Amino acid sequence: MSSFFPAPLEDLIDKFATLPGIGRKTAQRLAFHVLSLPQSEAEGFAAAILNAVGSVHTCPVCQNLTDGELCPICAGDRRDKSTVCVVAEPRDVLSIERSREYAGVYHVLHGVLSPVNHVGPDDLRISELVARVGAGDIREVIMATNPDTEGDATAIYLSRLLKPFGVTVTRLAYGIPVGSNIEYADDATLLRALEGRREM
């Protein structure tokens, strides 16, 4: 089928369409927007992509993204390095940091176990976590993966892997969101809320 668009535009649309969550129509909108940019802005956009790809890498300690030798959290001396919060993605670190309540450090897995998507333990940053815990300076590992099938499976797998090291492995409590009504909560949410109850 012949294309309605010039080949360079088709190529740009195809590149946008490879991004997660971007369908063909959204890719077309993005491509047309980029074409409407002044030359200097388009060059700045392209330069930002190349700069990010060339300078951002994973922190050798926590596997979070950084452009320095270590990420700011690992490089700082104000965090409790005996407590590690395990998250699936770098964006999860930002979510927990927004609470301003957590004073420990992190470990980013860069995904979760997903047999359906052919993601196994070797595809994640699990060996780096085991090495950190094996060094002996960590007392607690908090599993902060999502409360879904894959997140739970990952947390259970890691818990079994880390227990022999004698560390406390905990899981974030999940339940009824603040400000919502119990009558609208689903069965799984209510069950988690009951299991995660604490003394007042």
Foldseek 3Di string as FASTA:
>chain_A
DDDPDPPVLVVQLVVQCVDPPDHSVNSNVVSVVLVPDDPVVNVVVVVVVVCCVVQWFAALQQGAIDRDNHHPLVPDDFAQAQEEEEEAHNVVVVVVVVVVPHRHYYHYFVHFDDVVVPDDPVNTCLVSVLVSLLVPSHAEYEQEYDPDPRSVVRLVVSCVVNVVSVHHYHYDQAADDPPDDPVPDDPVRHVSCVVPDDDD
